[in-house]
Amino acid sequence: MSYVIIKKVQGSAILLLDEHEEVWEFSTLEEAEKIARVLETNESSGIFYEVKRIGINRIVDECNNHLF
């Protein structure tokens, strides 16, 4: 199972990308949650990060339709 981090800002949902500009995937929930916590700790503008389990169609639909 893989996980992704979604950046939520002002009604938008953005999948985080890695250094190759591909969706940044994590092999464990713990790893993804740790990175999300670090990112949130360094935010001061109300941006939130949410970890989602990959279900290809579901993630794409959620980002396109902002269904959080």
Protein backbone atom coordinates (compact mmCIF):
# COMPACT_ATOMS: atom_id res chain seq x y z
CA MET A 1 0.00 0.00 0.00
CA SER A 2 1.26 3.49 -0.80
CA TYR A 3 0.45 6.92 0.60
CA VAL A 4 0.60 10.48 -0.72
CA ILE A 5 0.51 13.91 0.89
CA ILE A 6 -2.01 16.47 -0.26
CA LYS A 7 -1.37 20.16 0.40
CA LYS A 8 -4.62 21.98 1.17
CA VAL A 9 -4.60 25.73 0.69
CA GLN A 10 -7.47 28.17 0.17
CA GLY A 11 -9.92 25.59 -1.21
CA SER A 12 -7.33 23.92 -3.46
CA ALA A 13 -5.80 20.47 -3.20
CA ILE A 14 -2.30 19.88 -4.52
CA LEU A 15 -0.49 16.54 -4.60
CA LEU A 16 3.11 16.93 -3.45
CA LEU A 17 5.73 16.07 -6.03
CA ASP A 18 9.20 14.63 -5.60
CA GLU A 19 12.46 15.90 -7.13
CA HIS A 20 11.53 14.24 -10.46
CA GLU A 21 8.21 16.09 -10.58
CA GLU A 22 6.30 12.85 -10.01
CA VAL A 23 3.73 12.30 -7.27
CA TRP A 24 5.67 11.79 -4.03
CA GLU A 25 4.68 8.33 -2.76
CA PHE A 26 5.46 6.81 0.62
CA SER A 27 5.52 3.11 1.37
CA THR A 28 4.25 3.47 4.94
CA LEU A 29 1.61 5.58 6.63
CA GLU A 30 4.07 6.46 9.39
CA GLU A 31 6.62 7.86 6.94
CA ALA A 32 4.01 10.00 5.15
CA GLU A 33 2.54 11.28 8.43
CA LYS A 34 6.01 12.22 9.70
CA ILE A 35 6.75 14.30 6.59
CA ALA A 36 3.29 15.92 6.73
CA ARG A 37 3.88 16.89 10.38
CA VAL A 38 7.27 18.42 9.54
CA LEU A 39 5.76 20.41 6.67
CA GLU A 40 2.89 21.67 8.84
CA THR A 41 5.30 22.63 11.61
CA ASN A 42 7.10 24.91 9.15
CA GLU A 43 3.91 26.56 7.82
CA SER A 44 2.62 29.82 9.19
CA SER A 45 -0.05 30.66 6.62
CA GLY A 46 -2.82 28.18 7.40
CA ILE A 47 -1.74 25.54 4.90
CA PHE A 48 -2.63 21.99 5.92
CA TYR A 49 -1.23 18.66 4.76
CA GLU A 50 -3.32 15.51 4.60
CA VAL A 51 -2.08 11.95 4.11
CA LYS A 52 -4.17 9.73 1.84
CA ARG A 53 -3.86 6.09 0.94
CA ILE A 54 -3.44 5.67 -2.78
CA GLY A 55 -6.44 4.42 -4.67
CA ILE A 56 -5.56 5.86 -8.06
CA ASN A 57 -9.06 6.89 -9.17
CA ARG A 58 -10.01 8.17 -5.73
CA ILE A 59 -6.99 10.45 -5.34
CA VAL A 60 -7.37 11.94 -8.81
CA ASP A 61 -11.11 12.49 -8.27
CA GLU A 62 -10.52 14.13 -4.89
CA CYS A 63 -7.91 16.53 -6.26
CA ASN A 64 -10.04 17.39 -9.27
CA ASN A 65 -13.20 17.85 -7.23
CA HIS A 66 -11.69 18.97 -3.90
CA LEU A 67 -13.65 16.28 -2.03
CA PHE A 68 -12.07 16.35 1.39
